[in-house]
Amino acid sequence: MTGWLNDAAFTVANKPVPWSDLLGQIASLATVWLALRRNLWAWPVQIVGAALLIAANTSVHLGGSAMRNVVIIVAAGYGWWRWARGRRDTGEVEIRFGTTHERIALVALMAVGTVGFAQLLEHTGISWAPWPDAYIFVGSVVAMLAQARGLFEFWLVWIAVDLVGVPLAWQHGLVFSGLVYGVFLVMCVAGLVDWWNRSRRYRDKGAARGAERHLEGATA
């Protein structure tokens, strides 16, 4: 049923690029661009891209990455729901800087999750590169959870994931994925700058509203 998805669309550096990898990565690029614009379509497009990449990863025995995309589909559903609810409540997707506790939680979840999942991959033998595979898996989930909550820091997590994703994809023959991870890195830096500016404006507006409420309470 999915045989044609793993047929070569073209070759890069004498390595075949399967249709599943090509179409999945195009959808992933579209997801990043839509997320930068805070567009609700980022989530359904990500679900489609993840489904395609499951076929690409299983074809080259990257079990961890395939499982990552299964979880990504679930996380994208959660993010879709949160952003849709936020737009209903405020008319837009609000973004902000994470609190100290949220930042500590993101780092802890990424560290503990990577160690635990890498042990699982090593024990089951479903991945040729269990530690970087686990790191990308957990990092992607952490980034999406932060993105769903509108946290600026999700861009930092994606950048950290991309820095490992490029050599891992290239090493395992997914050359097109490696090239796309490089494009992701550039887009994530652009998103980082954009959301930094927007988060500062939201923070300033919140501080101004707080000052107004304090002044009203003092004069009441």
N, C-alpha and C. Protein backbone atom coordinates (compact mmCIF):
# COMPACT_ATOMS: atom_id res chain seq x y z
N MET A 1 0.82 -1.21 0.00
CA MET A 1 0.00 0.00 0.00
C MET A 1 0.85 1.26 0.00
N THR A 2 1.96 1.24 0.77
CA THR A 2 2.83 2.41 0.84
C THR A 2 4.11 2.20 0.04
N GLY A 3 4.13 1.17 -0.80
CA GLY A 3 5.36 0.87 -1.52
C GLY A 3 5.86 2.01 -2.36
N TRP A 4 4.96 2.71 -3.07
CA TRP A 4 5.39 3.80 -3.93
C TRP A 4 5.98 4.96 -3.13
N LEU A 5 5.58 5.10 -1.86
CA LEU A 5 6.11 6.19 -1.04
C LEU A 5 7.61 6.04 -0.80
N ASN A 6 8.09 4.81 -0.81
CA ASN A 6 9.51 4.57 -0.58
C ASN A 6 10.29 4.35 -1.88
N ASP A 7 9.63 4.56 -3.03
CA ASP A 7 10.34 4.59 -4.30
C ASP A 7 11.11 5.90 -4.40
N ALA A 8 12.20 5.90 -5.14
CA ALA A 8 13.04 7.09 -5.25
C ALA A 8 12.38 8.14 -6.13
N ALA A 9 12.28 9.36 -5.62
CA ALA A 9 11.80 10.48 -6.42
C ALA A 9 12.93 11.03 -7.27
N PHE A 10 14.14 11.09 -6.69
CA PHE A 10 15.36 11.50 -7.38
C PHE A 10 16.53 11.11 -6.49
N THR A 11 17.73 11.43 -6.88
CA THR A 11 18.90 11.10 -6.07
C THR A 11 19.67 12.37 -5.73
N VAL A 12 20.30 12.36 -4.56
CA VAL A 12 21.18 13.44 -4.13
C VAL A 12 22.46 12.81 -3.63
N ALA A 13 23.60 13.22 -4.20
CA ALA A 13 24.90 12.64 -3.83
C ALA A 13 24.87 11.12 -3.98
N ASN A 14 24.26 10.66 -5.08
CA ASN A 14 24.14 9.23 -5.40
C ASN A 14 23.31 8.45 -4.38
N LYS A 15 22.52 9.16 -3.58
CA LYS A 15 21.65 8.50 -2.62
C LYS A 15 20.20 8.79 -3.01
N PRO A 16 19.33 7.76 -3.04
CA PRO A 16 17.94 7.98 -3.44
C PRO A 16 17.16 8.77 -2.40
N VAL A 17 16.28 9.63 -2.87
CA VAL A 17 15.38 10.39 -2.00
C VAL A 17 13.98 9.83 -2.22
N PRO A 18 13.45 9.05 -1.26
CA PRO A 18 12.12 8.47 -1.45
C PRO A 18 11.03 9.53 -1.43
N TRP A 19 9.92 9.23 -2.09
CA TRP A 19 8.80 10.17 -2.12
C TRP A 19 8.31 10.51 -0.72
N SER A 20 8.33 9.52 0.17
CA SER A 20 7.86 9.76 1.53
C SER A 20 8.72 10.82 2.22
N ASP A 21 10.04 10.75 2.01
CA ASP A 21 10.94 11.73 2.60
C ASP A 21 10.75 13.10 1.96
N LEU A 22 10.62 13.12 0.64
CA LEU A 22 10.46 14.38 -0.09
C LEU A 22 9.18 15.10 0.34
N LEU A 23 8.06 14.41 0.26
CA LEU A 23 6.77 15.03 0.57
C LEU A 23 6.65 15.36 2.06
N GLY A 24 7.18 14.46 2.90
CA GLY A 24 7.13 14.70 4.34
C GLY A 24 7.93 15.92 4.75
N GLN A 25 9.11 16.09 4.15
CA GLN A 25 9.94 17.24 4.49
C GLN A 25 9.38 18.54 3.93
N ILE A 26 8.75 18.48 2.77
CA ILE A 26 8.09 19.67 2.23
C ILE A 26 6.98 20.12 3.20
N ALA A 27 6.22 19.14 3.69
CA ALA A 27 5.17 19.46 4.67
C ALA A 27 5.78 20.02 5.95
N SER A 28 6.92 19.48 6.35
CA SER A 28 7.58 19.96 7.56
C SER A 28 8.07 21.40 7.40
N LEU A 29 8.61 21.72 6.23
CA LEU A 29 9.02 23.10 5.97
C LEU A 29 7.83 24.04 6.01
N ALA A 30 6.73 23.59 5.42
CA ALA A 30 5.51 24.40 5.45
C ALA A 30 5.03 24.60 6.88
N THR A 31 5.21 23.58 7.72
CA THR A 31 4.81 23.67 9.12
C THR A 31 5.58 24.77 9.84
N VAL A 32 6.90 24.81 9.63
CA VAL A 32 7.72 25.83 10.29
C VAL A 32 7.33 27.22 9.83
N TRP A 33 7.10 27.37 8.54
CA TRP A 33 6.71 28.68 8.00
C TRP A 33 5.36 29.12 8.57
N LEU A 34 4.42 28.19 8.68
CA LEU A 34 3.10 28.51 9.22
C LEU A 34 3.19 28.82 10.73
N ALA A 35 4.06 28.08 11.44
CA ALA A 35 4.24 28.34 12.87
C ALA A 35 4.83 29.72 13.10
N LEU A 36 5.76 30.12 12.23
CA LEU A 36 6.35 31.45 12.34
C LEU A 36 5.27 32.52 12.22
N ARG A 37 4.29 32.26 11.37
CA ARG A 37 3.20 33.21 11.16
C ARG A 37 2.04 33.00 12.13
N ARG A 38 2.20 32.03 13.04
CA ARG A 38 1.17 31.70 14.03
C ARG A 38 -0.14 31.33 13.36
N ASN A 39 -0.02 30.59 12.27
CA ASN A 39 -1.18 30.16 11.50
C ASN A 39 -1.65 28.80 12.00
N LEU A 40 -2.95 28.66 12.23
CA LEU A 40 -3.53 27.43 12.76
C LEU A 40 -3.27 26.23 11.86
N TRP A 41 -3.08 26.46 10.55
CA TRP A 41 -2.84 25.36 9.61
C TRP A 41 -1.51 24.66 9.86
N ALA A 42 -0.65 25.24 10.70
CA ALA A 42 0.63 24.59 11.01
C ALA A 42 0.43 23.18 11.56
N TRP A 43 -0.63 22.99 12.34
CA TRP A 43 -0.83 21.70 13.00
C TRP A 43 -1.33 20.60 12.07
N PRO A 44 -2.38 20.82 11.27
CA PRO A 44 -2.80 19.74 10.36
C PRO A 44 -1.74 19.41 9.31
N VAL A 45 -1.00 20.43 8.85
CA VAL A 45 0.07 20.17 7.89
C VAL A 45 1.16 19.32 8.54
N GLN A 46 1.44 19.59 9.82
CA GLN A 46 2.44 18.79 10.53
C GLN A 46 2.00 17.34 10.69
N ILE A 47 0.72 17.14 10.91
CA ILE A 47 0.20 15.77 11.03
C ILE A 47 0.42 15.00 9.73
N VAL A 48 0.12 15.63 8.60
CA VAL A 48 0.32 14.99 7.30
C VAL A 48 1.80 14.69 7.08
N GLY A 49 2.67 15.67 7.36
CA GLY A 49 4.11 15.48 7.18
C GLY A 49 4.65 14.36 8.05
N ALA A 50 4.20 14.29 9.30
CA ALA A 50 4.66 13.24 10.20
C ALA A 50 4.25 11.85 9.71
N ALA A 51 3.05 11.75 9.18
CA ALA A 51 2.58 10.47 8.66
C ALA A 51 3.46 10.00 7.50
N LEU A 52 3.84 10.91 6.64
CA LEU A 52 4.71 10.57 5.51
C LEU A 52 6.11 10.18 5.99
N LEU A 53 6.62 10.87 7.01
CA LEU A 53 7.97 10.59 7.49
C LEU A 53 8.05 9.28 8.26
N ILE A 54 6.93 8.80 8.76
CA ILE A 54 6.94 7.47 9.38
C ILE A 54 7.39 6.43 8.36
N ALA A 55 6.86 6.54 7.14
CA ALA A 55 7.25 5.61 6.08
C ALA A 55 8.72 5.77 5.71
N ALA A 56 9.20 7.03 5.66
CA ALA A 56 10.60 7.27 5.31
C ALA A 56 11.55 6.72 6.36
N ASN A 57 11.25 6.93 7.62
CA ASN A 57 12.14 6.48 8.69
C ASN A 57 12.18 4.97 8.83
N THR A 58 11.02 4.33 8.71
CA THR A 58 11.01 2.87 8.84
C THR A 58 11.76 2.22 7.68
N SER A 59 11.81 2.87 6.54
CA SER A 59 12.50 2.28 5.38
C SER A 59 14.01 2.23 5.58
N VAL A 60 14.57 3.07 6.49
CA VAL A 60 16.02 3.07 6.74
C VAL A 60 16.33 2.67 8.18
N HIS A 61 15.38 1.99 8.83
CA HIS A 61 15.59 1.41 10.16
C HIS A 61 15.87 2.46 11.23
N LEU A 62 15.27 3.63 11.13
CA LEU A 62 15.34 4.63 12.19
C LEU A 62 14.05 4.53 13.01
N GLY A 63 14.00 3.51 13.83
CA GLY A 63 12.79 3.25 14.60
C GLY A 63 12.42 4.36 15.55
N GLY A 64 13.44 4.98 16.18
CA GLY A 64 13.16 6.08 17.08
C GLY A 64 12.52 7.26 16.39
N SER A 65 13.02 7.58 15.20
CA SER A 65 12.44 8.69 14.45
C SER A 65 11.03 8.37 13.98
N ALA A 66 10.80 7.11 13.63
CA ALA A 66 9.44 6.72 13.22
C ALA A 66 8.48 6.85 14.39
N MET A 67 8.90 6.38 15.58
CA MET A 67 8.07 6.51 16.77
C MET A 67 7.87 7.98 17.14
N ARG A 68 8.91 8.78 16.91
CA ARG A 68 8.80 10.22 17.18
C ARG A 68 7.66 10.82 16.38
N ASN A 69 7.54 10.42 15.13
CA ASN A 69 6.49 11.00 14.29
C ASN A 69 5.10 10.53 14.69
N VAL A 70 5.00 9.34 15.28
CA VAL A 70 3.71 8.90 15.82
C VAL A 70 3.30 9.83 16.97
N VAL A 71 4.27 10.11 17.87
CA VAL A 71 4.00 10.99 19.00
C VAL A 71 3.74 12.41 18.51
N ILE A 72 4.45 12.83 17.46
CA ILE A 72 4.25 14.17 16.90
C ILE A 72 2.81 14.35 16.43
N ILE A 73 2.24 13.30 15.84
CA ILE A 73 0.85 13.39 15.39
C ILE A 73 -0.08 13.66 16.57
N VAL A 74 0.18 12.95 17.68
CA VAL A 74 -0.63 13.16 18.88
C VAL A 74 -0.41 14.57 19.44
N ALA A 75 0.86 14.99 19.53
CA ALA A 75 1.18 16.31 20.07
C ALA A 75 0.63 17.41 19.17
N ALA A 76 0.64 17.18 17.86
CA ALA A 76 0.09 18.18 16.94
C ALA A 76 -1.41 18.34 17.14
N GLY A 77 -2.08 17.23 17.44
CA GLY A 77 -3.50 17.32 17.74
C GLY A 77 -3.76 18.17 18.97
N TYR A 78 -2.89 18.00 19.99
CA TYR A 78 -3.01 18.81 21.21
C TYR A 78 -2.73 20.28 20.90
N GLY A 79 -1.68 20.55 20.13
CA GLY A 79 -1.35 21.93 19.79
C GLY A 79 -2.44 22.59 18.97
N TRP A 80 -3.02 21.83 18.06
CA TRP A 80 -4.12 22.34 17.22
C TRP A 80 -5.28 22.78 18.11
N TRP A 81 -5.59 21.93 19.10
CA TRP A 81 -6.69 22.24 20.02
C TRP A 81 -6.40 23.48 20.85
N ARG A 82 -5.17 23.60 21.37
CA ARG A 82 -4.82 24.76 22.22
C ARG A 82 -4.84 26.06 21.42
N TRP A 83 -4.25 26.03 20.21
CA TRP A 83 -4.22 27.27 19.41
C TRP A 83 -5.63 27.66 18.98
N ALA A 84 -6.47 26.67 18.63
CA ALA A 84 -7.84 26.97 18.23
C ALA A 84 -8.61 27.57 19.40
N ARG A 85 -8.41 27.03 20.59
CA ARG A 85 -9.08 27.56 21.77
C ARG A 85 -8.59 28.98 22.08
N GLY A 86 -7.27 29.21 21.94
CA GLY A 86 -6.73 30.54 22.19
C GLY A 86 -7.28 31.57 21.23
N ARG A 87 -7.44 31.18 19.97
CA ARG A 87 -7.99 32.12 18.99
C ARG A 87 -9.45 32.41 19.27
N ARG A 88 -10.19 31.41 19.77
CA ARG A 88 -11.59 31.66 20.12
C ARG A 88 -11.69 32.62 21.30
N ASP A 89 -10.75 32.50 22.26
CA ASP A 89 -10.82 33.31 23.48
C ASP A 89 -10.32 34.74 23.27
N THR A 90 -9.24 34.90 22.50
CA THR A 90 -8.60 36.22 22.38
C THR A 90 -8.56 36.76 20.96
N GLY A 91 -8.92 35.93 19.97
CA GLY A 91 -8.88 36.37 18.59
C GLY A 91 -7.54 36.17 17.92
N GLU A 92 -6.53 35.68 18.66
CA GLU A 92 -5.21 35.44 18.08
C GLU A 92 -4.48 34.41 18.93
N VAL A 93 -3.36 33.91 18.40
CA VAL A 93 -2.51 33.00 19.15
C VAL A 93 -1.50 33.83 19.92
N GLU A 94 -1.67 33.89 21.23
CA GLU A 94 -0.77 34.70 22.05
C GLU A 94 0.51 33.93 22.34
N ILE A 95 1.62 34.64 22.35
CA ILE A 95 2.92 34.03 22.62
C ILE A 95 3.60 34.79 23.75
N ARG A 96 4.52 34.12 24.43
CA ARG A 96 5.15 34.73 25.58
C ARG A 96 6.47 34.03 25.90
N PHE A 97 7.27 34.67 26.75
CA PHE A 97 8.47 34.03 27.28
C PHE A 97 8.06 33.06 28.39
N GLY A 98 8.73 31.93 28.46
CA GLY A 98 8.44 30.98 29.51
C GLY A 98 8.91 31.49 30.87
N THR A 99 8.27 31.03 31.92
CA THR A 99 8.71 31.37 33.27
C THR A 99 9.95 30.54 33.60
N THR A 100 10.61 30.89 34.70
CA THR A 100 11.79 30.13 35.13
C THR A 100 11.43 28.66 35.35
N HIS A 101 10.31 28.41 36.00
CA HIS A 101 9.87 27.03 36.25
C HIS A 101 9.60 26.29 34.95
N GLU A 102 8.99 26.96 33.99
CA GLU A 102 8.71 26.32 32.70
C GLU A 102 10.00 25.98 31.97
N ARG A 103 10.98 26.87 32.03
CA ARG A 103 12.25 26.62 31.36
C ARG A 103 12.99 25.45 32.00
N ILE A 104 12.98 25.39 33.33
CA ILE A 104 13.61 24.28 34.03
C ILE A 104 12.91 22.96 33.67
N ALA A 105 11.58 23.02 33.59
CA ALA A 105 10.81 21.83 33.25
C ALA A 105 11.13 21.35 31.84
N LEU A 106 11.30 22.27 30.89
CA LEU A 106 11.63 21.89 29.52
C LEU A 106 12.99 21.21 29.45
N VAL A 107 13.99 21.78 30.15
CA VAL A 107 15.34 21.21 30.14
C VAL A 107 15.34 19.84 30.82
N ALA A 108 14.65 19.75 31.96
CA ALA A 108 14.61 18.48 32.70
C ALA A 108 13.91 17.40 31.89
N LEU A 109 12.80 17.75 31.26
CA LEU A 109 12.06 16.78 30.45
C LEU A 109 12.90 16.29 29.28
N MET A 110 13.65 17.21 28.67
CA MET A 110 14.48 16.83 27.53
C MET A 110 15.62 15.90 27.99
N ALA A 111 16.26 16.24 29.11
CA ALA A 111 17.38 15.43 29.60
C ALA A 111 16.93 14.05 30.06
N VAL A 112 15.95 14.01 30.93
CA VAL A 112 15.47 12.73 31.47
C VAL A 112 14.84 11.88 30.36
N GLY A 113 14.05 12.53 29.51
CA GLY A 113 13.40 11.81 28.43
C GLY A 113 14.40 11.20 27.46
N THR A 114 15.47 11.95 27.15
CA THR A 114 16.48 11.43 26.22
C THR A 114 17.18 10.20 26.79
N VAL A 115 17.57 10.28 28.06
CA VAL A 115 18.25 9.15 28.69
C VAL A 115 17.34 7.92 28.73
N GLY A 116 16.10 8.13 29.16
CA GLY A 116 15.17 7.01 29.27
C GLY A 116 14.84 6.38 27.93
N PHE A 117 14.60 7.22 26.92
CA PHE A 117 14.21 6.67 25.62
C PHE A 117 15.40 6.03 24.91
N ALA A 118 16.60 6.58 25.12
CA ALA A 118 17.80 5.98 24.53
C ALA A 118 18.02 4.57 25.10
N GLN A 119 17.76 4.41 26.40
CA GLN A 119 17.89 3.08 27.00
C GLN A 119 16.90 2.11 26.38
N LEU A 120 15.68 2.60 26.12
CA LEU A 120 14.67 1.74 25.50
C LEU A 120 15.10 1.34 24.09
N LEU A 121 15.63 2.28 23.32
CA LEU A 121 16.07 1.99 21.95
C LEU A 121 17.23 1.01 21.95
N GLU A 122 18.15 1.17 22.89
CA GLU A 122 19.28 0.25 22.98
C GLU A 122 18.81 -1.16 23.34
N HIS A 123 17.86 -1.23 24.24
CA HIS A 123 17.37 -2.54 24.71
C HIS A 123 16.60 -3.28 23.61
N THR A 124 15.80 -2.55 22.85
CA THR A 124 14.99 -3.18 21.81
C THR A 124 15.73 -3.35 20.49
N GLY A 125 16.79 -2.55 20.30
CA GLY A 125 17.57 -2.65 19.06
C GLY A 125 16.85 -2.16 17.82
N ILE A 126 15.88 -1.24 17.98
CA ILE A 126 15.12 -0.78 16.82
C ILE A 126 15.75 0.45 16.15
N SER A 127 16.90 0.89 16.67
CA SER A 127 17.55 2.05 16.07
C SER A 127 19.05 1.81 15.96
N TRP A 128 19.65 2.28 14.87
CA TRP A 128 21.09 2.17 14.70
C TRP A 128 21.83 3.23 15.52
N ALA A 129 21.16 4.30 15.86
CA ALA A 129 21.79 5.41 16.59
C ALA A 129 20.88 5.81 17.74
N PRO A 130 20.81 5.01 18.80
CA PRO A 130 19.81 5.22 19.84
C PRO A 130 19.90 6.56 20.56
N TRP A 131 21.11 7.05 20.86
CA TRP A 131 21.20 8.29 21.63
C TRP A 131 20.80 9.53 20.83
N PRO A 132 21.38 9.76 19.65
CA PRO A 132 20.89 10.92 18.88
C PRO A 132 19.45 10.76 18.43
N ASP A 133 19.05 9.52 18.15
CA ASP A 133 17.66 9.25 17.76
C ASP A 133 16.72 9.62 18.90
N ALA A 134 17.10 9.25 20.14
CA ALA A 134 16.29 9.57 21.31
C ALA A 134 16.27 11.07 21.56
N TYR A 135 17.41 11.70 21.39
CA TYR A 135 17.51 13.15 21.60
C TYR A 135 16.58 13.90 20.66
N ILE A 136 16.56 13.50 19.39
CA ILE A 136 15.70 14.16 18.41
C ILE A 136 14.23 13.88 18.72
N PHE A 137 13.94 12.64 19.10
CA PHE A 137 12.57 12.25 19.44
C PHE A 137 12.04 13.11 20.59
N VAL A 138 12.76 13.11 21.71
CA VAL A 138 12.31 13.83 22.90
C VAL A 138 12.32 15.34 22.65
N GLY A 139 13.37 15.83 21.97
CA GLY A 139 13.45 17.26 21.69
C GLY A 139 12.29 17.75 20.85
N SER A 140 11.88 16.94 19.87
CA SER A 140 10.75 17.32 19.02
C SER A 140 9.46 17.40 19.82
N VAL A 141 9.26 16.44 20.71
CA VAL A 141 8.04 16.45 21.53
C VAL A 141 8.04 17.64 22.48
N VAL A 142 9.19 17.89 23.12
CA VAL A 142 9.30 19.03 24.04
C VAL A 142 9.05 20.34 23.29
N ALA A 143 9.63 20.46 22.09
CA ALA A 143 9.43 21.68 21.31
C ALA A 143 7.96 21.89 20.97
N MET A 144 7.28 20.82 20.59
CA MET A 144 5.87 20.94 20.22
C MET A 144 4.99 21.29 21.40
N LEU A 145 5.30 20.73 22.58
CA LEU A 145 4.53 21.07 23.77
C LEU A 145 4.71 22.54 24.12
N ALA A 146 5.96 23.03 23.99
CA ALA A 146 6.22 24.45 24.25
C ALA A 146 5.54 25.33 23.20
N GLN A 147 5.57 24.87 21.95
CA GLN A 147 4.91 25.61 20.88
C GLN A 147 3.41 25.68 21.11
N ALA A 148 2.82 24.57 21.55
CA ALA A 148 1.38 24.54 21.81
C ALA A 148 0.98 25.56 22.88
N ARG A 149 1.89 25.80 23.83
CA ARG A 149 1.62 26.75 24.91
C ARG A 149 2.03 28.17 24.55
N GLY A 150 2.52 28.34 23.30
CA GLY A 150 2.90 29.68 22.84
C GLY A 150 4.18 30.20 23.46
N LEU A 151 5.08 29.29 23.87
CA LEU A 151 6.32 29.70 24.52
C LEU A 151 7.40 30.00 23.48
N PHE A 152 8.05 31.15 23.62
CA PHE A 152 9.14 31.55 22.73
C PHE A 152 10.24 30.50 22.70
N GLU A 153 10.49 29.85 23.83
CA GLU A 153 11.62 28.93 23.95
C GLU A 153 11.53 27.71 23.04
N PHE A 154 10.36 27.47 22.45
CA PHE A 154 10.26 26.29 21.59
C PHE A 154 11.18 26.39 20.39
N TRP A 155 11.48 27.60 19.93
CA TRP A 155 12.42 27.77 18.81
C TRP A 155 13.82 27.32 19.22
N LEU A 156 14.22 27.60 20.46
CA LEU A 156 15.55 27.19 20.92
C LEU A 156 15.67 25.67 20.94
N VAL A 157 14.59 24.99 21.34
CA VAL A 157 14.62 23.53 21.36
C VAL A 157 14.71 22.98 19.94
N TRP A 158 13.95 23.55 19.00
CA TRP A 158 14.01 23.09 17.61
C TRP A 158 15.41 23.27 17.03
N ILE A 159 16.06 24.40 17.35
CA ILE A 159 17.42 24.64 16.86
C ILE A 159 18.36 23.57 17.39
N ALA A 160 18.23 23.24 18.68
CA ALA A 160 19.06 22.20 19.28
C ALA A 160 18.83 20.85 18.60
N VAL A 161 17.59 20.56 18.25
CA VAL A 161 17.25 19.32 17.55
C VAL A 161 17.86 19.30 16.15
N ASP A 162 17.75 20.42 15.44
CA ASP A 162 18.27 20.49 14.07
C ASP A 162 19.78 20.27 14.02
N LEU A 163 20.50 20.74 15.02
CA LEU A 163 21.96 20.61 15.03
C LEU A 163 22.39 19.14 15.08
N VAL A 164 21.53 18.28 15.62
CA VAL A 164 21.82 16.85 15.64
C VAL A 164 21.17 16.15 14.45
N GLY A 165 20.01 16.66 14.04
CA GLY A 165 19.27 16.02 12.95
C GLY A 165 19.99 16.02 11.62
N VAL A 166 20.75 17.07 11.34
CA VAL A 166 21.44 17.15 10.04
C VAL A 166 22.42 16.00 9.86
N PRO A 167 23.42 15.82 10.76
CA PRO A 167 24.37 14.71 10.55
C PRO A 167 23.73 13.34 10.67
N LEU A 168 22.72 13.19 11.54
CA LEU A 168 22.09 11.88 11.69
C LEU A 168 21.37 11.46 10.42
N ALA A 169 20.60 12.37 9.83
CA ALA A 169 19.87 12.05 8.61
C ALA A 169 20.85 11.74 7.48
N TRP A 170 21.91 12.51 7.37
CA TRP A 170 22.90 12.31 6.30
C TRP A 170 23.59 10.96 6.46
N GLN A 171 23.95 10.63 7.69
CA GLN A 171 24.64 9.38 7.96
C GLN A 171 23.81 8.16 7.58
N HIS A 172 22.49 8.27 7.76
CA HIS A 172 21.61 7.12 7.50
C HIS A 172 21.00 7.15 6.11
N GLY A 173 21.54 7.98 5.23
CA GLY A 173 21.12 7.94 3.84
C GLY A 173 19.94 8.81 3.48
N LEU A 174 19.34 9.51 4.46
CA LEU A 174 18.24 10.43 4.15
C LEU A 174 18.84 11.80 3.85
N VAL A 175 19.50 11.88 2.69
CA VAL A 175 20.24 13.09 2.32
C VAL A 175 19.31 14.30 2.23
N PHE A 176 18.16 14.08 1.62
CA PHE A 176 17.23 15.21 1.48
C PHE A 176 16.77 15.71 2.85
N SER A 177 16.55 14.78 3.78
CA SER A 177 16.18 15.18 5.14
C SER A 177 17.28 16.01 5.77
N GLY A 178 18.54 15.61 5.54
CA GLY A 178 19.66 16.37 6.08
C GLY A 178 19.70 17.79 5.54
N LEU A 179 19.46 17.92 4.24
CA LEU A 179 19.43 19.25 3.63
C LEU A 179 18.28 20.09 4.18
N VAL A 180 17.14 19.44 4.36
CA VAL A 180 15.97 20.15 4.87
C VAL A 180 16.19 20.58 6.32
N TYR A 181 16.85 19.73 7.12
CA TYR A 181 17.17 20.13 8.49
C TYR A 181 18.00 21.41 8.49
N GLY A 182 18.89 21.54 7.50
CA GLY A 182 19.68 22.78 7.40
C GLY A 182 18.80 23.98 7.13
N VAL A 183 17.79 23.79 6.25
CA VAL A 183 16.84 24.87 5.97
C VAL A 183 16.02 25.17 7.22
N PHE A 184 15.64 24.10 7.93
CA PHE A 184 14.91 24.28 9.20
C PHE A 184 15.68 25.20 10.13
N LEU A 185 16.99 24.97 10.21
CA LEU A 185 17.82 25.74 11.12
C LEU A 185 17.74 27.23 10.81
N VAL A 186 17.82 27.56 9.53
CA VAL A 186 17.72 28.97 9.11
C VAL A 186 16.34 29.53 9.45
N MET A 187 15.30 28.76 9.15
CA MET A 187 13.94 29.21 9.42
C MET A 187 13.68 29.36 10.92
N CYS A 188 14.27 28.45 11.71
CA CYS A 188 14.10 28.55 13.16
C CYS A 188 14.76 29.79 13.73
N VAL A 189 15.91 30.16 13.17
CA VAL A 189 16.56 31.39 13.62
C VAL A 189 15.68 32.60 13.29
N ALA A 190 15.07 32.57 12.09
CA ALA A 190 14.15 33.65 11.72
C ALA A 190 12.94 33.67 12.65
N GLY A 191 12.41 32.49 12.96
CA GLY A 191 11.28 32.41 13.89
C GLY A 191 11.66 32.88 15.28
N LEU A 192 12.89 32.55 15.70
CA LEU A 192 13.37 32.97 17.00
C LEU A 192 13.36 34.49 17.13
N VAL A 193 13.86 35.16 16.10
CA VAL A 193 13.90 36.62 16.12
C VAL A 193 12.49 37.21 16.11
N ASP A 194 11.62 36.64 15.26
CA ASP A 194 10.25 37.15 15.15
C ASP A 194 9.49 36.98 16.46
N TRP A 195 9.54 35.77 17.03
CA TRP A 195 8.80 35.54 18.27
C TRP A 195 9.42 36.29 19.45
N TRP A 196 10.73 36.53 19.42
CA TRP A 196 11.38 37.33 20.47
C TRP A 196 10.76 38.72 20.50
N ASN A 197 10.66 39.32 19.32
CA ASN A 197 10.08 40.66 19.25
C ASN A 197 8.61 40.67 19.66
N ARG A 198 7.86 39.67 19.18
CA ARG A 198 6.43 39.61 19.52
C ARG A 198 6.24 39.34 21.02
N SER A 199 7.06 38.45 21.59
CA SER A 199 6.94 38.14 23.02
C SER A 199 7.24 39.37 23.87
N ARG A 200 8.22 40.15 23.45
CA ARG A 200 8.52 41.38 24.18
C ARG A 200 7.35 42.34 24.13
N ARG A 201 6.70 42.44 22.96
CA ARG A 201 5.55 43.35 22.86
C ARG A 201 4.40 42.86 23.74
N TYR A 202 4.17 41.55 23.77
CA TYR A 202 3.11 41.02 24.64
C TYR A 202 3.45 41.27 26.11
N ARG A 203 4.72 41.10 26.46
CA ARG A 203 5.13 41.33 27.85
C ARG A 203 4.95 42.80 28.23
N ASP A 204 5.34 43.69 27.31
CA ASP A 204 5.18 45.11 27.58
C ASP A 204 3.71 45.50 27.72
N LYS A 205 2.86 44.92 26.86
CA LYS A 205 1.42 45.19 26.95
C LYS A 205 0.86 44.69 28.28
N GLY A 206 1.31 43.51 28.69
CA GLY A 206 0.85 42.96 29.95
C GLY A 206 1.27 43.82 31.13
N ALA A 207 2.52 44.33 31.08
CA ALA A 207 2.99 45.19 32.15
C ALA A 207 2.20 46.49 32.18
N ALA A 208 1.87 47.01 30.99
CA ALA A 208 1.10 48.26 30.92
C ALA A 208 -0.31 48.05 31.48
N ARG A 209 -0.94 46.91 31.13
CA ARG A 209 -2.27 46.62 31.67
C ARG A 209 -2.23 46.47 33.18
N GLY A 210 -1.16 45.83 33.70
CA GLY A 210 -1.03 45.67 35.13
C GLY A 210 -0.87 47.00 35.84
N ALA A 211 -0.09 47.91 35.23
CA ALA A 211 0.10 49.23 35.81
C ALA A 211 -1.21 50.01 35.82
N GLU A 212 -1.99 49.86 34.74
CA GLU A 212 -3.28 50.57 34.67
C GLU A 212 -4.23 50.07 35.76
N ARG A 213 -4.27 48.73 35.94
CA ARG A 213 -5.14 48.18 36.98
C ARG A 213 -4.71 48.63 38.37
N HIS A 214 -3.37 48.69 38.57
CA HIS A 214 -2.87 49.15 39.88
C HIS A 214 -3.23 50.60 40.13
N LEU A 215 -3.13 51.43 39.07
CA LEU A 215 -3.47 52.84 39.22
C LEU A 215 -4.95 53.02 39.48
N GLU A 216 -5.77 52.22 38.78
CA GLU A 216 -7.22 52.30 39.01
C GLU A 216 -7.57 51.89 40.43
N GLY A 217 -6.89 50.88 40.95
CA GLY A 217 -7.16 50.43 42.29
C GLY A 217 -6.72 51.46 43.34
N ALA A 218 -5.62 52.16 43.04
CA ALA A 218 -5.11 53.15 43.97
C ALA A 218 -6.01 54.38 44.02
N THR A 219 -6.66 54.71 42.90
CA THR A 219 -7.49 55.91 42.84
C THR A 219 -8.94 55.64 43.16
N ALA A 220 -9.29 54.34 43.28
CA ALA A 220 -10.70 54.00 43.54
C ALA A 220 -11.10 54.39 44.96
